[in-house]
Amino acid sequence: LVLERGIKLVVNAGGLNPHGLSSALRQLGSAMHLEPRVATLTGDDLRQRLESLRSSNADFRHLGSGAPLPETEGFVHTANAYLGAWGIRQALAEGTDIVVCPRVTDASLVVGAAAWWHGWERDDWNALAGAVAAGHVIECGAQVTGGNYSSFREVTDLSRPGFPIAEISQDGSSVITKHPGSAGAVSVGTVTTQLVYEVGGPRYLNPDVTTRLDSIELEQLESDRVRLHGVVGEPPPDTTKVAITCKGRYRNEMIFALVGLEIDAKQALFEAATRAAFENQPVDLEFQRLGAPLSAATIEAARNQNEASQLLRVIASSDDEALVSRAFGAALIELALSSYPGLFALDLPGPASEATGYWPTLVNQSDLEVRLTHPDDRVEVISPPPQMLPASQLDQGVRALSGDTERAVSFPEGNTVRAPLGRVADARSGDKGSDANVGLWTRSDEAYAWLRQELSVERLKELLPEAASLPIERYELPRLRAVNFVIRGLLAGGAVATLRFDRQAKALGEFLRSRSVTVPQALLRDPG
């Protein structure tokens, strides 16, 4: 299909062996009597270069804790830098049919194709930034066509939302749409929600350009067509992110039911007995209660046993696999017959697993050795961008763009009511390594004026008790009527290693929207 229709295919499916995938594609083509032109991008894999880079003053400090990367033998499993788009652009310029990429930023797939198609130069910052924004919008597929959307009841058909399409113009502006006839929807709402997903401050850093999220304008052109324009770009940082996976601790867990009366006392009894069983062993235990709080009233109103139940999650972590494998399950099953009434487990004990560690860090772009292997086996060196700025100059304490202050309006006074925050604002949340982000946005300037005043960092900590002791950063995106929060350390260890039930903070935004606030009645939206 690629060759028949002249389609250019760019994929970041190369994993740890991009040349292997390219070879497999050529073999597949040969078996079909086809000759696809396949190019391969490499240079992200830093496993064999860590020591030499250390000697040149790269200590790979953890972006969260600031600790230097341990030099323990066997600690690092993988180390991959996020590459940019220019290798993709160069491959397509040579007539390549398929470009196989290793670790690149998600947006780079879109930026590289757009830069090739429109003939952009490396310092066409605004155009490149527009493509980054479009790439960020479509990178999670159906999340911009109605999936994971807090106002999902507005979408008529969510049976199988269509995949998104970005139509990118010469100036970097784009129209976000989807396949005709497919389910789902593309609206200012679905696009805004994706724009505030897994981001930090107004400056969205990519290896090729820094995109000012606070410059983005959205316009609904017609059904399922949203124009994204006005994007401002700045030179990229002189560093790029490196994702290191490393040796983690061993972990096991079991879940037990707590039913009916005296739930707190039942948990306390089981927790004390479990801690006593592991008292003299190097095992860390954590107990988490899952489910809505139970009271005498809710238990009496329960229509069946399930509605009078909560879950107790017991997690054990250790550097010794044996202690949290068979021994852990055996200890808890023994306790099951001598603990609180009605105790039962949701599943049988299982083996321990290694919770692979995640170590986000940075490397200088000038230290990368990015290579593009063309279909004829020529190897091209992809140089860093011609202009880069030190990260210190790209901090997120940015000035508001021209025009933002002019949009400031007041919210209506008058009757106020207690209502869920979600009656005023939409939200989407996600993970950024050990951190979580939650972005909220509104439909009107008046509602946004209220949101800006209501949602301070201190107020967020009141609404999200689990974040009360953590550092939180707050950013405003007036053109999107959005406020974004980054909660540092909420997902300690990252999605793979965190002990949180919601490992990627996917539902944090929905929990926040369910919290009760005092709001002007005139701002409330119909709950549907």
Protein backbone atom coordinates (compact mmCIF):
# COMPACT_ATOMS: atom_id res chain seq x y z
CA LEU A 1 0.00 0.00 0.00
CA VAL A 2 2.87 2.38 0.84
CA LEU A 3 4.50 1.86 -2.56
CA GLU A 4 1.26 1.60 -4.50
CA ARG A 5 -0.08 4.95 -3.27
CA GLY A 6 3.19 6.77 -2.78
CA ILE A 7 2.65 7.08 0.96
CA LYS A 8 5.57 8.09 3.15
CA LEU A 9 5.69 6.05 6.36
CA VAL A 10 7.59 7.32 9.41
CA VAL A 11 7.60 5.10 12.50
CA ASN A 12 9.29 5.16 15.89
CA ALA A 13 8.98 1.37 16.08
CA GLY A 14 12.71 0.67 15.89
CA GLY A 15 12.98 0.13 19.62
CA LEU A 16 16.45 -1.00 20.67
CA ASN A 17 17.24 -2.40 17.21
CA PRO A 18 16.14 -0.02 14.42
CA HIS A 19 18.49 -1.63 11.90
CA GLY A 20 16.87 -4.98 12.67
CA LEU A 21 13.42 -3.62 11.84
CA SER A 22 14.69 -2.04 8.63
CA SER A 23 16.22 -5.35 7.59
CA ALA A 24 12.98 -7.18 8.34
CA LEU A 25 11.02 -4.68 6.23
CA ARG A 26 13.37 -5.17 3.30
CA GLN A 27 13.05 -8.94 3.61
CA LEU A 28 9.27 -8.66 3.71
CA GLY A 29 9.35 -6.46 0.63
CA SER A 30 11.58 -8.91 -1.19
CA ALA A 31 9.21 -11.77 -0.39
CA MET A 32 6.43 -9.70 -1.99
CA HIS A 33 8.65 -8.82 -4.97
CA LEU A 34 8.83 -5.21 -3.84
CA GLU A 35 11.79 -2.93 -3.16
CA PRO A 36 10.84 -0.41 -0.47
CA ARG A 37 13.39 2.32 0.15
CA VAL A 38 14.00 2.08 3.90
CA ALA A 39 16.14 4.54 5.88
CA THR A 40 17.24 4.06 9.48
CA LEU A 41 17.86 6.69 12.15
CA THR A 42 20.17 5.88 15.07
CA GLY A 43 22.04 7.68 17.82
CA ASP A 44 19.59 7.55 20.69
CA ASP A 45 21.13 4.52 22.40
CA LEU A 46 23.65 5.75 24.97
CA ARG A 47 24.25 2.51 26.88
CA GLN A 48 27.76 2.04 25.54
CA ARG A 49 28.60 5.75 25.81
CA LEU A 50 27.61 6.51 29.40
CA GLU A 51 31.10 6.11 30.82
CA SER A 52 32.79 8.21 28.15
CA LEU A 53 30.13 10.89 28.58
CA ARG A 54 30.66 10.81 32.34
CA SER A 55 34.34 11.52 31.80
CA SER A 56 33.38 14.65 29.88
CA ASN A 57 31.46 15.99 32.89
CA ALA A 58 28.04 14.46 32.27
CA ASP A 59 26.78 13.06 35.58
CA PHE A 60 23.23 12.36 34.37
CA ARG A 61 21.49 13.86 37.37
CA HIS A 62 17.94 12.71 38.02
CA LEU A 63 15.51 15.41 36.86
CA GLY A 64 13.46 14.97 40.00
CA SER A 65 15.84 14.31 42.88
CA GLY A 66 18.99 15.88 41.42
CA ALA A 67 21.03 12.81 42.40
CA PRO A 68 23.84 11.71 40.05
CA LEU A 69 23.40 8.42 38.20
CA PRO A 70 24.92 5.59 40.28
CA GLU A 71 27.98 3.94 38.79
CA THR A 72 27.04 0.50 40.13
CA GLU A 73 27.74 -2.23 37.59
CA GLY A 74 24.53 -3.59 36.11
CA PHE A 75 22.43 -0.68 37.41
CA VAL A 76 21.51 0.65 33.94
CA HIS A 77 19.35 -1.51 31.67
CA THR A 78 18.73 0.95 28.84
CA ALA A 79 19.59 4.60 28.13
CA ASN A 80 17.90 6.33 25.21
CA ALA A 81 17.97 10.00 24.27
CA TYR A 82 14.95 11.63 22.67
CA LEU A 83 16.02 12.57 19.14
CA GLY A 84 14.54 15.32 17.01
CA ALA A 85 12.98 15.52 13.57
CA TRP A 86 15.77 16.56 11.24
CA GLY A 87 16.98 13.06 10.44
CA ILE A 88 13.44 12.22 9.34
CA ARG A 89 13.31 15.32 7.17
CA GLN A 90 16.62 14.42 5.50
CA ALA A 91 15.54 10.84 4.85
CA LEU A 92 12.32 11.93 3.15
CA ALA A 93 14.22 14.49 1.09
CA GLU A 94 16.18 11.60 -0.45
CA GLY A 95 13.03 9.85 -1.64
CA THR A 96 12.79 7.31 1.17
CA ASP A 97 9.55 5.34 1.43
CA ILE A 98 9.86 4.21 5.06
CA VAL A 99 11.83 5.90 7.83
CA VAL A 100 12.55 3.67 10.83
CA CYS A 101 13.26 5.66 13.98
CA PRO A 102 14.45 4.63 17.43
CA ARG A 103 13.55 6.85 20.41
CA VAL A 104 12.41 10.20 19.08
CA THR A 105 9.96 12.63 20.60
CA ASP A 106 6.40 11.79 19.60
CA ALA A 107 6.00 15.12 17.84
CA SER A 108 9.18 14.57 15.80
CA LEU A 109 7.37 12.13 13.53
CA VAL A 110 5.03 14.94 12.49
CA VAL A 111 7.64 17.70 12.47
CA GLY A 112 10.02 15.76 10.23
CA ALA A 113 7.35 15.01 7.65
CA ALA A 114 6.03 18.59 7.64
CA ALA A 115 9.52 20.11 7.43
CA TRP A 116 10.30 17.95 4.40
CA TRP A 117 6.99 18.63 2.66
CA HIS A 118 7.14 22.39 3.10
CA GLY A 119 10.89 22.79 2.73
CA TRP A 120 11.34 24.44 6.12
CA GLU A 121 14.75 25.51 7.35
CA ARG A 122 16.02 24.61 10.79
CA ASP A 123 15.40 28.12 12.12
CA ASP A 124 11.80 28.42 10.91
CA TRP A 125 10.87 28.46 14.56
CA ASN A 126 7.19 29.37 14.29
CA ALA A 127 6.44 26.80 11.60
CA LEU A 128 8.34 24.09 13.45
CA ALA A 129 6.54 24.98 16.67
CA GLY A 130 3.19 24.73 14.92
CA ALA A 131 4.08 21.23 13.76
CA VAL A 132 5.14 20.28 17.29
CA ALA A 133 1.76 21.42 18.58
CA ALA A 134 -0.03 19.40 15.90
CA GLY A 135 2.16 16.41 16.69
CA HIS A 136 1.41 16.66 20.39
CA VAL A 137 -2.31 16.81 19.64
CA ILE A 138 -2.41 13.64 17.51
CA GLU A 139 0.33 11.62 19.25
CA CYS A 140 -2.11 9.76 21.51
CA GLY A 141 -4.52 8.76 18.76
CA ALA A 142 -8.16 8.79 19.78
CA GLN A 143 -7.48 10.93 22.86
CA VAL A 144 -8.15 13.92 20.60
CA THR A 145 -11.21 12.43 18.92
CA GLY A 146 -13.27 11.90 22.07
CA GLY A 147 -11.34 9.30 24.04
CA ASN A 148 -10.39 10.03 27.66
CA TYR A 149 -12.48 13.19 27.42
CA SER A 150 -14.10 14.56 30.57
CA SER A 151 -17.09 15.81 28.58
CA PHE A 152 -17.46 12.45 26.85
CA ARG A 153 -21.25 12.60 27.04
CA GLU A 154 -21.15 15.41 24.47
CA VAL A 155 -19.76 12.96 21.92
CA THR A 156 -22.63 11.21 20.18
CA ASP A 157 -20.80 8.02 19.22
CA LEU A 158 -17.75 6.73 21.10
CA SER A 159 -18.03 3.13 19.91
CA ARG A 160 -14.73 3.35 18.05
CA PRO A 161 -13.39 6.90 17.67
CA GLY A 162 -11.55 7.57 14.44
CA PHE A 163 -7.84 8.24 14.39
CA PRO A 164 -6.87 11.91 14.10
CA ILE A 165 -5.36 13.66 11.09
CA ALA A 166 -3.26 16.84 11.11
CA GLU A 167 -3.38 18.90 7.90
CA ILE A 168 -0.33 21.14 8.26
CA SER A 169 0.07 24.32 6.22
CA GLN A 170 3.21 26.09 5.01
CA ASP A 171 3.17 28.49 7.97
CA GLY A 172 2.90 25.68 10.52
CA SER A 173 -0.78 26.19 11.28
CA SER A 174 -2.88 23.08 11.03
CA VAL A 175 -6.37 21.68 10.91
CA ILE A 176 -7.05 18.75 13.20
CA THR A 177 -9.66 16.35 11.88
CA LYS A 178 -10.36 12.61 11.63
CA HIS A 179 -11.27 9.98 9.08
CA PRO A 180 -14.67 10.73 7.52
CA GLY A 181 -17.48 8.55 8.78
CA SER A 182 -15.60 7.38 11.86
CA ALA A 183 -16.98 7.66 15.38
CA GLY A 184 -15.88 10.24 17.92
CA ALA A 185 -15.53 13.99 17.48
CA VAL A 186 -12.92 16.69 16.96
CA SER A 187 -13.81 19.90 18.76
CA VAL A 188 -12.11 22.81 20.45
CA GLY A 189 -12.76 20.86 23.64
CA THR A 190 -11.12 17.60 22.57
CA VAL A 191 -8.11 19.48 21.17
CA THR A 192 -7.69 21.69 24.23
CA THR A 193 -7.84 18.69 26.50
CA GLN A 194 -5.03 16.97 24.62
CA LEU A 195 -2.93 20.15 24.55
CA VAL A 196 -2.83 20.22 28.37
CA TYR A 197 -1.96 16.52 28.61
CA GLU A 198 1.45 15.56 29.98
CA VAL A 199 2.91 19.06 29.71
CA GLY A 200 4.61 21.42 32.12
CA GLY A 201 4.90 25.17 31.71
CA PRO A 202 4.17 27.40 28.72
CA ARG A 203 7.45 26.41 27.08
CA TYR A 204 7.14 22.93 25.58
CA LEU A 205 10.70 21.78 24.89
CA ASN A 206 11.59 19.66 21.87
CA PRO A 207 15.00 18.92 20.34
CA ASP A 208 14.26 21.08 17.27
CA VAL A 209 12.26 23.96 18.70
CA THR A 210 10.67 25.31 21.86
CA THR A 211 6.92 25.66 21.44
CA ARG A 212 5.04 28.36 23.33
CA LEU A 213 1.86 26.60 24.42
CA ASP A 214 0.54 29.96 25.62
CA SER A 215 0.49 31.21 22.03
CA ILE A 216 -1.85 28.58 20.59
CA GLU A 217 -5.20 29.69 19.22
CA LEU A 218 -8.04 27.27 18.40
CA GLU A 219 -11.00 27.77 16.09
CA GLN A 220 -13.85 25.40 15.23
CA LEU A 221 -14.14 25.63 11.44
CA GLU A 222 -16.91 23.09 11.01
CA SER A 223 -17.90 19.73 12.42
CA ASP A 224 -14.79 17.67 13.25
CA ARG A 225 -12.39 20.33 11.95
CA VAL A 226 -10.44 22.53 14.37
CA ARG A 227 -7.85 25.08 13.24
CA LEU A 228 -4.72 25.36 15.38
CA HIS A 229 -2.76 28.53 14.63
CA GLY A 230 -0.73 31.45 15.96
CA VAL A 231 1.94 29.20 17.45
CA VAL A 232 5.15 30.94 18.46
CA GLY A 233 8.45 29.09 18.36
CA GLU A 234 11.80 29.76 20.01
CA PRO A 235 15.20 28.08 19.65
CA PRO A 236 15.39 24.68 21.34
CA PRO A 237 17.30 23.86 24.51
CA ASP A 238 20.92 22.74 24.24
CA THR A 239 19.98 19.51 26.01
CA THR A 240 17.55 16.72 25.28
CA LYS A 241 15.90 14.26 27.62
CA VAL A 242 17.32 10.79 28.23
CA ALA A 243 15.13 7.95 29.49
CA ILE A 244 17.19 5.49 31.52
CA THR A 245 15.68 2.28 32.80
CA CYS A 246 17.57 0.78 35.70
CA LYS A 247 17.60 -1.88 38.35
CA GLY A 248 14.64 -1.58 40.68
CA ARG A 249 13.32 -3.36 43.75
CA TYR A 250 11.29 -6.55 43.77
CA ARG A 251 7.61 -6.21 44.55
CA ASN A 252 4.52 -8.26 45.19
CA GLU A 253 0.99 -7.45 46.21
CA MET A 254 -2.34 -8.94 47.17
CA ILE A 255 -5.80 -7.42 47.49
CA PHE A 256 -8.27 -8.37 50.22
CA ALA A 257 -11.91 -7.47 50.80
CA LEU A 258 -13.18 -5.41 53.73
CA VAL A 259 -16.94 -5.89 54.07
CA GLY A 260 -19.63 -4.41 56.27
CA LEU A 261 -19.07 -2.98 59.73
CA GLU A 262 -15.92 -1.83 61.55
CA ILE A 263 -13.82 -1.48 58.40
CA ASP A 264 -11.10 0.59 60.09
CA ALA A 265 -10.66 -1.91 62.92
CA LYS A 266 -10.50 -4.79 60.46
CA GLN A 267 -7.74 -3.13 58.48
CA ALA A 268 -5.82 -2.23 61.64
CA LEU A 269 -5.91 -5.85 62.84
CA PHE A 270 -4.67 -7.26 59.54
CA GLU A 271 -2.04 -4.57 59.10
CA ALA A 272 -0.59 -5.14 62.57
CA ALA A 273 -0.38 -8.90 62.04
CA THR A 274 1.24 -8.49 58.63
CA ARG A 275 3.85 -6.07 59.93
CA ALA A 276 4.64 -8.46 62.77
CA ALA A 277 5.16 -11.31 60.30
CA PHE A 278 7.85 -9.31 58.48
CA GLU A 279 9.20 -7.43 61.51
CA ASN A 280 12.80 -8.62 61.32
CA GLN A 281 13.11 -8.80 57.55
CA PRO A 282 14.21 -6.12 55.04
CA VAL A 283 10.75 -5.75 53.54
CA ASP A 284 8.83 -2.50 53.14
CA LEU A 285 5.07 -2.81 53.46
CA GLU A 286 2.37 -0.43 52.28
CA PHE A 287 -1.37 -0.69 52.86
CA GLN A 288 -3.84 1.15 50.63
CA ARG A 289 -7.61 1.36 51.04
CA LEU A 290 -9.46 1.36 47.73
CA GLY A 291 -13.07 2.38 47.24
CA ALA A 292 -15.51 5.00 48.43
CA PRO A 293 -15.76 5.52 52.21
CA LEU A 294 -18.34 3.39 54.00
CA SER A 295 -20.58 4.63 56.80
CA ALA A 296 -23.48 3.14 58.69
CA ALA A 297 -25.83 4.94 56.31
CA THR A 298 -24.16 3.73 53.12
CA ILE A 299 -23.92 0.16 54.43
CA GLU A 300 -27.60 0.17 55.33
CA ALA A 301 -28.46 1.50 51.86
CA ALA A 302 -26.30 -1.09 50.09
CA ARG A 303 -28.29 -3.14 47.60
CA ASN A 304 -25.89 -6.08 47.80
CA GLN A 305 -22.62 -7.20 49.40
CA ASN A 306 -20.49 -5.56 46.71
CA GLU A 307 -21.84 -2.13 47.62
CA ALA A 308 -20.85 -2.67 51.26
CA SER A 309 -17.26 -3.52 50.40
CA GLN A 310 -13.89 -1.84 50.18
CA LEU A 311 -10.57 -3.27 49.09
CA LEU A 312 -7.30 -3.46 51.01
CA ARG A 313 -4.20 -3.48 48.81
CA VAL A 314 -1.08 -4.87 50.51
CA ILE A 315 2.23 -4.17 48.76
CA ALA A 316 5.62 -5.58 49.75
CA SER A 317 8.94 -4.29 48.35
CA SER A 318 12.45 -5.60 48.92
CA ASP A 319 15.87 -5.89 47.34
CA ASP A 320 15.63 -9.64 48.03
CA GLU A 321 13.31 -11.32 45.54
CA ALA A 322 12.78 -14.39 47.73
CA LEU A 323 11.33 -12.36 50.60
CA VAL A 324 8.48 -10.94 48.51
CA SER A 325 7.79 -13.95 46.34
CA ARG A 326 6.56 -17.23 47.83
CA ALA A 327 7.28 -16.12 51.40
CA PHE A 328 5.06 -13.05 51.04
CA GLY A 329 2.06 -14.95 49.69
CA ALA A 330 2.45 -17.73 52.24
CA ALA A 331 2.54 -15.30 55.15
CA LEU A 332 -0.61 -13.48 54.05
CA ILE A 333 -2.57 -16.64 53.33
CA GLU A 334 -1.68 -17.97 56.79
CA LEU A 335 -3.03 -14.75 58.29
CA ALA A 336 -6.28 -15.07 56.37
CA LEU A 337 -7.62 -17.73 58.75
CA SER A 338 -6.66 -15.88 61.91
CA SER A 339 -7.61 -12.29 61.21
CA TYR A 340 -10.75 -10.20 60.79
CA PRO A 341 -14.16 -11.70 59.97
CA GLY A 342 -15.13 -11.99 56.33
CA LEU A 343 -11.56 -11.76 55.01
CA PHE A 344 -11.02 -13.10 51.50
CA ALA A 345 -8.44 -12.45 48.79
CA LEU A 346 -9.32 -11.39 45.27
CA ASP A 347 -6.67 -13.64 43.77
CA LEU A 348 -4.05 -16.24 44.64
CA PRO A 349 -0.51 -15.26 45.61
CA GLY A 350 1.81 -14.77 42.65
CA PRO A 351 5.55 -14.45 42.08
CA ALA A 352 7.44 -11.25 42.73
CA SER A 353 8.32 -8.94 39.86
CA GLU A 354 11.10 -6.43 39.44
CA ALA A 355 9.76 -2.89 39.38
CA THR A 356 12.19 -1.52 36.81
CA GLY A 357 13.43 1.89 37.84
CA TYR A 358 13.07 4.99 35.67
CA TRP A 359 15.80 7.64 35.67
CA PRO A 360 14.95 10.73 33.60
CA THR A 361 17.94 12.92 32.88
CA LEU A 362 19.50 15.19 30.24
CA VAL A 363 22.35 15.06 27.76
CA ASN A 364 23.85 17.85 25.67
CA GLN A 365 22.56 17.74 22.11
CA SER A 366 26.12 18.38 20.95
CA ASP A 367 27.17 15.09 22.59
CA LEU A 368 24.78 12.99 20.51
CA GLU A 369 26.01 11.02 17.51
CA VAL A 370 22.91 10.94 15.33
CA ARG A 371 23.29 8.96 12.12
CA LEU A 372 20.94 8.45 9.19
CA THR A 373 21.55 5.35 7.09
CA HIS A 374 20.01 5.93 3.67
CA PRO A 375 18.51 3.13 1.54
CA ASP A 376 21.77 2.93 -0.46
CA ASP A 377 23.73 2.46 2.82
CA ARG A 378 25.16 5.99 2.78
CA VAL A 379 25.51 7.31 6.32
CA GLU A 380 24.68 10.96 6.98
CA VAL A 381 25.60 12.74 10.18
CA ILE A 382 22.69 14.76 11.58
CA SER A 383 24.07 17.82 13.32
CA PRO A 384 22.41 19.64 16.23
CA PRO A 385 20.20 22.68 15.55
CA PRO A 386 22.15 25.80 14.48
CA GLN A 387 20.92 27.76 17.48
CA MET A 388 20.22 26.40 20.94
CA LEU A 389 19.65 28.10 24.27
CA PRO A 390 20.86 27.03 27.71
CA ALA A 391 18.10 25.49 29.76
CA SER A 392 18.49 28.31 32.28
CA GLN A 393 17.21 30.74 29.63
CA LEU A 394 14.21 28.55 28.96
CA ASP A 395 12.80 28.36 32.45
CA GLN A 396 9.06 28.45 32.75
CA GLY A 397 8.83 31.86 34.39
CA VAL A 398 7.86 33.40 31.07
CA ARG A 399 6.21 36.71 30.41
CA ALA A 400 2.66 36.68 29.16
CA LEU A 401 2.37 37.05 25.42
CA SER A 402 0.96 40.25 24.00
CA GLY A 403 -2.82 40.28 24.19
CA ASP A 404 -3.27 37.98 27.16
CA THR A 405 -3.93 40.75 29.67
CA GLU A 406 -6.54 42.22 27.36
CA ARG A 407 -8.62 39.06 27.74
CA ALA A 408 -8.94 39.40 31.49
CA VAL A 409 -12.60 39.64 32.50
CA SER A 410 -14.42 39.29 35.79
CA PHE A 411 -16.69 36.43 36.74
CA PRO A 412 -20.31 37.04 37.69
CA GLU A 413 -21.22 37.85 41.25
CA GLY A 414 -24.45 36.81 42.91
CA ASN A 415 -25.68 33.48 44.19
CA THR A 416 -23.03 30.84 44.83
CA VAL A 417 -23.56 27.12 45.32
CA ARG A 418 -21.54 24.07 46.29
CA ALA A 419 -20.96 21.92 43.24
CA PRO A 420 -18.36 19.60 41.76
CA LEU A 421 -15.49 21.43 40.07
CA GLY A 422 -16.35 19.44 36.95
CA ARG A 423 -19.56 21.46 36.57
CA VAL A 424 -17.31 24.39 35.60
CA ALA A 425 -14.11 22.91 34.20
CA ASP A 426 -12.88 20.02 32.08
CA ALA A 427 -9.60 18.29 32.92
CA ARG A 428 -7.03 15.80 31.75
CA SER A 429 -4.16 14.38 33.77
CA GLY A 430 -1.13 12.21 33.10
CA ASP A 431 2.39 11.29 34.07
CA LYS A 432 5.74 12.97 33.47
CA GLY A 433 8.22 10.54 34.98
CA SER A 434 7.86 10.75 38.76
CA ASP A 435 5.61 13.79 38.39
CA ALA A 436 1.97 14.15 37.46
CA ASN A 437 0.25 16.93 35.59
CA VAL A 438 -3.36 17.96 35.67
CA GLY A 439 -4.63 20.60 33.27
CA LEU A 440 -8.03 22.25 33.65
CA TRP A 441 -9.83 24.46 31.14
CA THR A 442 -13.14 26.24 30.81
CA ARG A 443 -15.57 27.13 28.02
CA SER A 444 -15.95 30.86 28.72
CA ASP A 445 -13.83 33.83 29.71
CA GLU A 446 -16.00 34.35 32.79
CA ALA A 447 -15.51 30.77 33.97
CA TYR A 448 -11.79 31.08 33.32
CA ALA A 449 -11.60 34.24 35.41
CA TRP A 450 -13.18 32.29 38.27
CA LEU A 451 -10.89 29.28 37.74
CA ARG A 452 -7.77 31.44 37.84
CA GLN A 453 -8.83 32.97 41.13
CA GLU A 454 -10.11 29.77 42.72
CA LEU A 455 -7.36 27.33 41.84
CA SER A 456 -4.20 28.47 43.54
CA VAL A 457 -1.53 25.96 44.54
CA GLU A 458 -2.81 26.11 48.11
CA ARG A 459 -6.38 25.42 47.00
CA LEU A 460 -5.26 22.51 44.86
CA LYS A 461 -3.55 20.96 47.87
CA GLU A 462 -6.82 21.22 49.78
CA LEU A 463 -8.68 19.47 46.97
CA LEU A 464 -5.98 16.81 46.45
CA PRO A 465 -4.85 15.73 49.94
CA GLU A 466 -2.29 13.27 48.54
CA ALA A 467 -0.44 16.26 47.02
CA ALA A 468 -0.49 18.43 50.15
CA SER A 469 3.15 17.79 51.06
CA LEU A 470 4.56 17.87 47.53
CA PRO A 471 6.03 20.74 45.47
CA ILE A 472 3.51 21.99 42.92
CA GLU A 473 4.04 24.32 39.98
CA ARG A 474 1.15 26.29 38.48
CA TYR A 475 1.00 27.72 34.95
CA GLU A 476 -1.65 29.70 33.11
CA LEU A 477 -2.47 29.33 29.41
CA PRO A 478 -4.98 32.16 28.83
CA ARG A 479 -5.52 31.56 25.11
CA LEU A 480 -6.69 28.05 25.94
CA ARG A 481 -8.52 29.25 29.07
CA ALA A 482 -6.45 26.67 30.91
CA VAL A 483 -4.49 26.29 34.13
CA ASN A 484 -1.92 23.52 34.38
CA PHE A 485 -0.41 22.04 37.53
CA VAL A 486 2.70 19.88 37.79
CA ILE A 487 2.81 17.85 41.00
CA ARG A 488 6.39 16.86 41.69
CA GLY A 489 7.01 13.36 43.01
CA LEU A 490 3.39 12.18 43.12
CA LEU A 491 4.36 9.11 41.07
CA ALA A 492 7.57 8.35 42.94
CA GLY A 493 9.73 6.19 40.69
CA GLY A 494 7.56 6.71 37.61
CA ALA A 495 4.75 4.61 36.16
CA VAL A 496 6.64 1.32 36.38
CA ALA A 497 7.87 1.66 39.96
CA THR A 498 5.27 3.80 41.73
CA LEU A 499 3.07 2.19 44.37
CA ARG A 500 0.08 4.35 43.48
CA PHE A 501 -3.00 2.47 42.35
CA ASP A 502 -3.36 4.89 39.41
CA ARG A 503 0.19 4.47 38.14
CA GLN A 504 0.05 7.12 35.41
CA ALA A 505 -2.28 9.60 37.11
CA LYS A 506 -4.82 9.01 34.35
CA ALA A 507 -7.76 9.53 36.69
CA LEU A 508 -6.32 12.30 38.85
CA GLY A 509 -8.15 14.92 36.79
CA GLU A 510 -11.46 13.11 37.20
CA PHE A 511 -10.96 12.91 40.95
CA LEU A 512 -10.22 16.64 41.03
CA ARG A 513 -13.35 17.40 38.99
CA SER A 514 -15.44 15.48 41.52
CA ARG A 515 -14.32 17.69 44.42
CA SER A 516 -16.80 20.18 45.77
CA VAL A 517 -16.16 23.92 45.42
CA THR A 518 -18.14 27.11 45.95
CA VAL A 519 -18.92 28.60 42.56
CA PRO A 520 -21.21 31.30 41.11
CA GLN A 521 -24.39 29.56 40.06
CA ALA A 522 -24.34 31.36 36.71
CA LEU A 523 -21.16 29.50 35.72
CA LEU A 524 -22.50 25.99 36.22
CA ARG A 525 -22.80 23.79 33.17
CA ASP A 526 -25.59 21.26 32.77
CA PRO A 527 -24.36 17.99 34.32
CA GLY A 528 -25.84 16.10 31.38
